[in-house]
């Protein structure tokens, strides 16, 4: 585990924001097991421009059955390199929620990393946190041995049509399906 020094500060999204900072009630073990942090309401086009995910702990979640938090409130506990931002299957309510999937992660201890803001998703510059990446040891995300369980209402995968592939790619990248071109070479 890496111990880090932090000099915080609230503020608007800096122009060099390369990091999504989330206040989550999920434990590091659960985030790693699920492949990333989810089910967030966020701007997917903006989130896809970021390289890093910094998870900070929320120990005040009102549903103790949902929360498996293990770290002190406000502590930055996990730093991950983002692989992709995609729709989350872990949400049954209205609206789209997003999974910030990770390529690799490091367990860290960054006291008072959360700026006490009301919105649990922030865009910041990693440099604001004074994290020395040369001293952080990243681990690859574990490979999934089986797909995650599907919730009711989410059908099992089937043969993918070109129209569905265009729609899914458009959703992933925040564009219209007409803007997606697919080339198949044989």
Protein backbone atom coordinates (compact mmCIF):
# COMPACT_ATOMS: atom_id res chain seq x y z
CA UNK A 1 0.00 0.00 0.00
CA UNK A 2 1.31 3.43 -0.92
CA UNK A 3 1.05 6.35 1.51
CA UNK A 4 0.70 9.74 -0.11
CA UNK A 5 0.70 13.39 0.89
CA UNK A 6 -2.25 15.51 -0.21
CA UNK A 7 -2.86 19.21 -0.45
CA UNK A 8 -6.54 19.47 -1.32
CA UNK A 9 -8.72 22.26 -2.46
CA UNK A 10 -12.17 22.56 -3.95
CA UNK A 11 -12.74 24.31 -7.20
CA UNK A 12 -14.12 24.20 -10.69
CA UNK A 13 -12.99 21.68 -13.26
CA UNK A 14 -9.42 22.64 -14.19
CA UNK A 15 -8.61 22.74 -17.90
CA UNK A 16 -6.03 19.96 -17.37
CA UNK A 17 -8.45 17.61 -15.58
CA UNK A 18 -7.23 14.10 -16.33
CA UNK A 19 -8.77 12.38 -13.31
CA UNK A 20 -12.28 11.36 -12.30
CA UNK A 21 -12.61 11.54 -8.52
CA UNK A 22 -15.54 9.63 -7.02
CA UNK A 23 -16.94 9.42 -3.51
CA UNK A 24 -17.97 5.76 -3.25
CA UNK A 25 -19.47 3.57 -0.55
CA UNK A 26 -17.98 0.47 -2.17
CA UNK A 27 -14.88 -1.25 -0.82
CA UNK A 28 -11.65 -1.57 -2.79
CA UNK A 29 -12.18 -5.32 -2.98
CA UNK A 30 -15.61 -4.86 -4.56
CA UNK A 31 -14.35 -2.25 -7.05
CA UNK A 32 -11.55 -4.61 -8.12
CA UNK A 33 -13.93 -7.58 -8.31
CA UNK A 34 -16.42 -5.59 -10.43
CA UNK A 35 -13.71 -4.35 -12.80
CA UNK A 36 -14.08 -0.70 -11.84
CA UNK A 37 -16.31 1.81 -10.11
CA UNK A 38 -20.02 2.03 -10.99
CA UNK A 39 -23.02 3.02 -11.34
CA UNK A 40 -22.33 6.72 -11.85
CA UNK A 41 -24.32 9.54 -13.41
CA UNK A 42 -21.67 11.37 -15.41
CA UNK A 43 -20.89 12.97 -18.73
CA UNK A 44 -19.48 10.02 -20.72
CA UNK A 45 -17.82 12.23 -23.35
CA UNK A 46 -16.02 14.16 -20.60
CA UNK A 47 -15.18 11.03 -18.59
CA UNK A 48 -13.65 9.32 -21.63
CA UNK A 49 -11.06 12.11 -21.84
CA UNK A 50 -9.68 11.16 -18.42
CA UNK A 51 -6.78 8.79 -17.76
CA UNK A 52 -7.17 8.21 -14.02
CA UNK A 53 -9.84 7.24 -11.50
CA UNK A 54 -9.30 8.22 -7.86
CA UNK A 55 -11.74 6.50 -5.49
CA UNK A 56 -12.43 8.22 -2.18
CA UNK A 57 -14.42 6.56 0.59
CA UNK A 58 -17.97 7.45 1.61
CA UNK A 59 -18.67 6.13 5.11
CA UNK A 60 -21.99 8.00 5.36
CA UNK A 61 -24.07 6.07 2.81
CA UNK A 62 -27.64 5.74 4.16
CA UNK A 63 -28.08 2.08 3.09
CA UNK A 64 -25.83 -0.20 5.17
CA UNK A 65 -26.82 -3.19 3.02
CA UNK A 66 -25.39 -1.47 -0.08
CA UNK A 67 -22.26 -0.05 1.49
CA UNK A 68 -19.28 -2.27 2.20
CA UNK A 69 -16.94 0.69 2.84
CA UNK A 70 -13.75 -0.17 4.71
CA UNK A 71 -11.63 3.00 4.63
CA UNK A 72 -11.91 6.24 6.64
CA UNK A 73 -14.38 8.78 5.26
CA UNK A 74 -12.85 11.00 2.57
CA UNK A 75 -9.71 8.84 2.22
CA UNK A 76 -8.37 8.31 -1.29
CA UNK A 77 -7.90 4.54 -1.30
CA UNK A 78 -7.62 3.37 -4.90
CA UNK A 79 -5.99 4.90 -7.98
CA UNK A 80 -6.72 3.27 -11.31
CA UNK A 81 -5.78 3.76 -14.94
CA UNK A 82 -9.05 3.93 -16.89
CA UNK A 83 -9.60 1.31 -19.58
CA UNK A 84 -13.05 2.48 -20.71
CA UNK A 85 -16.24 4.18 -19.64
CA UNK A 86 -19.28 2.08 -20.47
CA UNK A 87 -22.92 1.64 -19.53
CA UNK A 88 -23.36 -0.12 -16.21
CA UNK A 89 -25.57 -3.19 -15.78
CA UNK A 90 -25.66 -2.51 -12.03
CA UNK A 91 -28.59 -0.10 -12.05
CA UNK A 92 -32.32 -0.76 -12.24
CA UNK A 93 -33.68 2.79 -11.94
CA UNK A 94 -34.38 5.38 -14.61
CA UNK A 95 -31.58 6.97 -16.58
CA UNK A 96 -28.23 5.70 -17.73
CA UNK A 97 -25.49 4.89 -15.22
CA UNK A 98 -21.84 4.35 -16.12
CA UNK A 99 -19.05 1.96 -15.17
CA UNK A 100 -15.52 3.40 -15.09
CA UNK A 101 -13.63 0.22 -15.99
CA UNK A 102 -9.97 -0.04 -14.99
CA UNK A 103 -6.93 -1.44 -16.79
CA UNK A 104 -4.77 -1.44 -13.64
CA UNK A 105 -5.03 -0.21 -10.07
CA UNK A 106 -3.02 0.64 -6.96
CA UNK A 107 -4.15 0.64 -3.34
CA UNK A 108 -3.19 3.98 -1.82
CA UNK A 109 -3.79 6.01 1.33
CA UNK A 110 -4.47 9.66 0.58
CA UNK A 111 -6.08 11.35 3.62
CA UNK A 112 -8.73 14.01 3.04
CA UNK A 113 -8.73 13.49 -0.72
CA UNK A 114 -12.45 14.29 -0.96
CA UNK A 115 -13.16 18.02 -1.12
CA UNK A 116 -16.51 17.73 0.72
CA UNK A 117 -18.46 18.63 -2.43
CA UNK A 118 -22.05 17.47 -2.84
CA UNK A 119 -21.65 15.88 -6.29
CA UNK A 120 -19.99 12.45 -5.87
CA UNK A 121 -18.23 12.74 -9.25
CA UNK A 122 -15.52 15.35 -9.84
CA UNK A 123 -13.06 16.05 -12.66
CA UNK A 124 -9.64 17.13 -11.39
CA UNK A 125 -5.99 17.16 -12.36
CA UNK A 126 -4.03 14.29 -10.83
CA UNK A 127 -1.25 16.81 -10.15
CA UNK A 128 -3.59 18.53 -7.64
CA UNK A 129 -3.16 15.52 -5.37
CA UNK A 130 0.65 15.52 -5.50
CA UNK A 131 0.78 11.81 -6.22
CA UNK A 132 4.23 10.67 -7.32
CA UNK A 133 3.40 8.00 -9.90
CA UNK A 134 6.99 6.72 -9.76
CA UNK A 135 6.27 5.55 -6.19
CA UNK A 136 2.93 3.90 -6.98
CA UNK A 137 2.91 0.17 -7.72
CA UNK A 138 0.10 -0.72 -10.11
CA UNK A 139 -1.43 -4.17 -10.37
CA UNK A 140 -3.24 -5.45 -13.47
CA UNK A 141 -6.97 -5.94 -13.04
CA UNK A 142 -7.81 -9.60 -12.44
CA UNK A 143 -9.21 -11.48 -15.41
CA UNK A 144 -12.84 -12.43 -15.14
CA UNK A 145 -13.32 -16.17 -15.08
CA UNK A 146 -17.03 -15.88 -15.78
CA UNK A 147 -19.26 -13.01 -16.85
CA UNK A 148 -20.95 -11.01 -14.09
CA UNK A 149 -24.50 -12.11 -13.25
CA UNK A 150 -27.17 -10.35 -15.31
CA UNK A 151 -30.04 -8.59 -13.65
CA UNK A 152 -33.63 -9.32 -14.61
CA UNK A 153 -34.56 -7.48 -17.78
CA UNK A 154 -31.05 -7.69 -19.27
CA UNK A 155 -31.06 -10.48 -21.87
CA UNK A 156 -28.12 -12.80 -22.41
CA UNK A 157 -25.79 -11.80 -25.24
CA UNK A 158 -26.77 -12.97 -28.71
CA UNK A 159 -25.50 -12.53 -32.25
CA UNK A 160 -24.60 -8.90 -32.76
CA UNK A 161 -26.02 -7.16 -35.84
CA UNK A 162 -24.23 -4.26 -37.53
CA UNK A 163 -27.07 -1.92 -36.52
CA UNK A 164 -26.75 -2.98 -32.86
CA UNK A 165 -22.95 -2.70 -32.99
CA UNK A 166 -23.28 0.87 -34.33
CA UNK A 167 -25.79 1.73 -31.61
CA UNK A 168 -23.60 0.32 -28.84
CA UNK A 169 -20.48 2.05 -30.16
CA UNK A 170 -22.41 5.31 -30.49
CA UNK A 171 -23.58 5.00 -26.86
CA UNK A 172 -20.05 4.23 -25.70
CA UNK A 173 -18.51 7.21 -27.46
CA UNK A 174 -21.39 9.66 -26.98
CA UNK A 175 -22.15 10.13 -30.70
CA UNK A 176 -25.10 9.36 -33.00
CA UNK A 177 -25.20 5.91 -34.66
CA UNK A 178 -24.97 7.60 -38.07
CA UNK A 179 -21.49 8.82 -37.08
CA UNK A 180 -20.22 5.24 -36.62
CA UNK A 181 -18.65 3.48 -39.60
CA UNK A 182 -17.75 -0.20 -39.45
CA UNK A 183 -15.38 -1.82 -41.94
CA UNK A 184 -15.16 -5.60 -42.23
CA UNK A 185 -12.29 -7.04 -44.19
CA UNK A 186 -12.22 -10.66 -45.17
